[in-house]
Amino acid sequence: MYVCSCFGITDKQVKDHAAAGACTPRQIASETKAGTDCGSCVRTIQGILGRGACPRRELLETGNGAAVLAADPQLAEAA
């Protein structure tokens, strides 16, 4: 099923990126562009990602932002 018709992104692609560590619609967008044009798919992407376990989110919630930066070189470069 297509999640983002603007860029032809499927739910399987979103799930694959989520399995690889993407936890937010913004992270999905950076990998696929989904949600960056008309934006109508963002809620669907949020639904697919759910509120399940996310290592980055768990580290942030415990106040371990340094570990998040260490785990993601792109974030570390931006900081």
N, C-alpha and C. Protein backbone atom coordinates (compact mmCIF):
# COMPACT_ATOMS: atom_id res chain seq x y z
N MET A 1 0.84 -1.17 0.00
CA MET A 1 0.00 0.00 0.00
C MET A 1 0.89 1.24 0.00
N TYR A 2 0.52 2.21 -0.83
CA TYR A 2 1.26 3.46 -0.87
C TYR A 2 0.88 4.33 0.33
N VAL A 3 1.89 4.83 1.00
CA VAL A 3 1.70 5.75 2.12
C VAL A 3 1.82 7.17 1.59
N CYS A 4 2.82 7.41 0.77
CA CYS A 4 3.09 8.73 0.20
C CYS A 4 2.96 8.63 -1.32
N SER A 5 1.87 9.17 -1.83
CA SER A 5 1.67 9.11 -3.27
C SER A 5 2.52 10.15 -4.00
N CYS A 6 2.96 11.18 -3.31
CA CYS A 6 3.82 12.20 -3.95
C CYS A 6 5.16 11.60 -4.39
N PHE A 7 5.72 10.72 -3.56
CA PHE A 7 7.03 10.15 -3.85
C PHE A 7 7.00 8.64 -4.03
N GLY A 8 5.81 8.04 -4.02
CA GLY A 8 5.68 6.60 -4.26
C GLY A 8 6.27 5.74 -3.16
N ILE A 9 6.12 6.15 -1.91
CA ILE A 9 6.68 5.42 -0.77
C ILE A 9 5.61 4.50 -0.19
N THR A 10 5.97 3.24 0.02
CA THR A 10 5.02 2.25 0.52
C THR A 10 5.16 2.07 2.03
N ASP A 11 4.15 1.43 2.61
CA ASP A 11 4.21 1.13 4.03
C ASP A 11 5.37 0.19 4.34
N LYS A 12 5.70 -0.70 3.42
CA LYS A 12 6.84 -1.60 3.63
C LYS A 12 8.14 -0.81 3.73
N GLN A 13 8.30 0.19 2.89
CA GLN A 13 9.51 1.01 2.96
C GLN A 13 9.60 1.75 4.30
N VAL A 14 8.48 2.29 4.76
CA VAL A 14 8.46 2.98 6.05
C VAL A 14 8.81 1.99 7.16
N LYS A 15 8.23 0.79 7.12
CA LYS A 15 8.52 -0.22 8.14
C LYS A 15 9.98 -0.65 8.09
N ASP A 16 10.55 -0.76 6.89
CA ASP A 16 11.96 -1.13 6.77
C ASP A 16 12.86 -0.07 7.39
N HIS A 17 12.56 1.20 7.14
CA HIS A 17 13.35 2.28 7.74
C HIS A 17 13.17 2.33 9.25
N ALA A 18 11.96 2.04 9.71
CA ALA A 18 11.71 1.99 11.15
C ALA A 18 12.52 0.86 11.78
N ALA A 19 12.58 -0.28 11.11
CA ALA A 19 13.36 -1.40 11.63
C ALA A 19 14.85 -1.07 11.66
N ALA A 20 15.27 -0.17 10.77
CA ALA A 20 16.68 0.24 10.72
C ALA A 20 16.99 1.35 11.72
N GLY A 21 15.96 1.82 12.45
CA GLY A 21 16.23 2.79 13.50
C GLY A 21 15.49 4.11 13.40
N ALA A 22 14.76 4.35 12.32
CA ALA A 22 14.00 5.60 12.22
C ALA A 22 12.84 5.56 13.20
N CYS A 23 12.70 6.61 14.00
CA CYS A 23 11.70 6.63 15.05
C CYS A 23 10.63 7.70 14.85
N THR A 24 10.87 8.64 13.96
CA THR A 24 9.95 9.77 13.78
C THR A 24 9.65 9.98 12.31
N PRO A 25 8.53 10.64 12.02
CA PRO A 25 8.24 10.98 10.63
C PRO A 25 9.36 11.81 9.99
N ARG A 26 10.00 12.65 10.77
CA ARG A 26 11.10 13.46 10.23
C ARG A 26 12.26 12.59 9.79
N GLN A 27 12.56 11.54 10.55
CA GLN A 27 13.63 10.62 10.17
C GLN A 27 13.25 9.83 8.92
N ILE A 28 11.99 9.46 8.82
CA ILE A 28 11.50 8.79 7.60
C ILE A 28 11.63 9.74 6.42
N ALA A 29 11.27 11.00 6.62
CA ALA A 29 11.34 12.00 5.55
C ALA A 29 12.78 12.20 5.07
N SER A 30 13.72 12.19 5.99
CA SER A 30 15.11 12.40 5.59
C SER A 30 15.63 11.24 4.74
N GLU A 31 15.06 10.06 4.91
CA GLU A 31 15.47 8.90 4.13
C GLU A 31 14.69 8.75 2.82
N THR A 32 13.42 9.16 2.83
CA THR A 32 12.56 8.84 1.69
C THR A 32 11.88 10.04 1.03
N LYS A 33 11.89 11.20 1.67
CA LYS A 33 11.17 12.41 1.27
C LYS A 33 9.68 12.33 1.58
N ALA A 34 9.19 11.19 2.07
CA ALA A 34 7.77 11.05 2.40
C ALA A 34 7.39 12.08 3.45
N GLY A 35 6.31 12.79 3.19
CA GLY A 35 5.83 13.81 4.12
C GLY A 35 6.38 15.19 3.88
N THR A 36 7.23 15.35 2.87
CA THR A 36 7.85 16.64 2.64
C THR A 36 7.19 17.46 1.53
N ASP A 37 6.21 16.88 0.84
CA ASP A 37 5.55 17.64 -0.21
C ASP A 37 4.19 18.13 0.29
N CYS A 38 3.15 17.36 0.12
CA CYS A 38 1.81 17.82 0.54
C CYS A 38 1.57 17.58 2.03
N GLY A 39 2.28 16.61 2.62
CA GLY A 39 2.17 16.36 4.05
C GLY A 39 1.00 15.49 4.48
N SER A 40 0.17 15.05 3.54
CA SER A 40 -1.01 14.28 3.94
C SER A 40 -0.68 12.90 4.47
N CYS A 41 0.54 12.42 4.26
CA CYS A 41 0.91 11.08 4.71
C CYS A 41 1.55 11.06 6.10
N VAL A 42 1.81 12.22 6.67
CA VAL A 42 2.54 12.27 7.94
C VAL A 42 1.80 11.52 9.04
N ARG A 43 0.48 11.68 9.12
CA ARG A 43 -0.28 10.96 10.16
C ARG A 43 -0.24 9.46 9.94
N THR A 44 -0.27 9.03 8.70
CA THR A 44 -0.18 7.60 8.40
C THR A 44 1.18 7.07 8.82
N ILE A 45 2.22 7.83 8.54
CA ILE A 45 3.58 7.43 8.94
C ILE A 45 3.66 7.35 10.46
N GLN A 46 3.08 8.34 11.15
CA GLN A 46 3.06 8.30 12.61
C GLN A 46 2.36 7.04 13.11
N GLY A 47 1.27 6.68 12.45
CA GLY A 47 0.54 5.47 12.83
C GLY A 47 1.35 4.21 12.63
N ILE A 48 2.11 4.16 11.55
CA ILE A 48 2.96 3.00 11.29
C ILE A 48 4.07 2.91 12.33
N LEU A 49 4.67 4.05 12.65
CA LEU A 49 5.76 4.06 13.63
C LEU A 49 5.25 3.78 15.03
N GLY A 50 4.05 4.24 15.33
CA GLY A 50 3.45 3.99 16.64
C GLY A 50 4.24 4.63 17.77
N ARG A 51 3.94 4.18 18.95
CA ARG A 51 4.63 4.68 20.14
C ARG A 51 5.46 3.57 20.75
N GLY A 52 5.87 2.64 19.92
CA GLY A 52 6.64 1.50 20.41
C GLY A 52 8.03 1.89 20.86
N ALA A 53 8.80 0.90 21.20
CA ALA A 53 10.16 1.11 21.67
C ALA A 53 11.01 1.74 20.59
N CYS A 54 11.70 2.77 20.97
CA CYS A 54 12.62 3.44 20.07
C CYS A 54 13.87 3.76 20.87
N PRO A 55 14.99 3.15 20.52
CA PRO A 55 16.20 3.35 21.32
C PRO A 55 16.57 4.81 21.50
N ARG A 56 16.45 5.61 20.45
CA ARG A 56 16.80 7.03 20.57
C ARG A 56 15.86 7.74 21.53
N ARG A 57 14.56 7.46 21.41
CA ARG A 57 13.59 8.11 22.28
C ARG A 57 13.83 7.72 23.73
N GLU A 58 14.11 6.43 23.95
CA GLU A 58 14.36 5.97 25.31
C GLU A 58 15.60 6.64 25.91
N LEU A 59 16.65 6.83 25.11
CA LEU A 59 17.85 7.49 25.61
C LEU A 59 17.57 8.95 25.93
N LEU A 60 16.80 9.62 25.08
CA LEU A 60 16.46 11.02 25.34
C LEU A 60 15.62 11.17 26.60
N GLU A 61 14.65 10.25 26.79
CA GLU A 61 13.78 10.33 27.95
C GLU A 61 14.53 10.10 29.25
N THR A 62 15.62 9.35 29.19
CA THR A 62 16.42 9.12 30.40
C THR A 62 17.50 10.18 30.58
N GLY A 63 17.48 11.19 29.71
CA GLY A 63 18.43 12.29 29.82
C GLY A 63 19.82 11.96 29.30
N ASN A 64 19.93 10.96 28.45
CA ASN A 64 21.22 10.54 27.93
C ASN A 64 21.37 11.01 26.48
N GLY A 65 21.28 12.33 26.29
CA GLY A 65 21.39 12.91 24.95
C GLY A 65 22.74 12.65 24.30
N ALA A 66 23.81 12.56 25.11
CA ALA A 66 25.14 12.30 24.58
C ALA A 66 25.20 10.95 23.88
N ALA A 67 24.49 9.96 24.42
CA ALA A 67 24.47 8.63 23.80
C ALA A 67 23.73 8.68 22.47
N VAL A 68 22.70 9.51 22.37
CA VAL A 68 21.97 9.65 21.11
C VAL A 68 22.89 10.25 20.07
N LEU A 69 23.64 11.29 20.44
CA LEU A 69 24.58 11.90 19.50
C LEU A 69 25.68 10.92 19.10
N ALA A 70 26.14 10.13 20.03
CA ALA A 70 27.19 9.15 19.73
C ALA A 70 26.68 8.06 18.80
N ALA A 71 25.40 7.72 18.92
CA ALA A 71 24.84 6.65 18.11
C ALA A 71 24.49 7.11 16.70
N ASP A 72 24.37 8.43 16.50
CA ASP A 72 23.96 8.94 15.20
C ASP A 72 24.97 10.00 14.73
N PRO A 73 25.89 9.63 13.86
CA PRO A 73 26.93 10.55 13.41
C PRO A 73 26.37 11.83 12.77
N GLN A 74 25.23 11.74 12.08
CA GLN A 74 24.64 12.93 11.46
C GLN A 74 24.22 13.93 12.52
N LEU A 75 23.65 13.46 13.62
CA LEU A 75 23.27 14.36 14.70
C LEU A 75 24.49 14.96 15.37
N ALA A 76 25.52 14.17 15.53
CA ALA A 76 26.74 14.65 16.18
C ALA A 76 27.38 15.76 15.36
N GLU A 77 27.35 15.63 14.03
CA GLU A 77 27.92 16.66 13.16
C GLU A 77 27.13 17.96 13.26
N ALA A 78 25.81 17.84 13.39
CA ALA A 78 24.95 19.02 13.46
C ALA A 78 25.09 19.75 14.79
N ALA A 79 25.47 19.02 15.83
CA ALA A 79 25.56 19.62 17.18
C ALA A 79 26.81 20.37 17.37
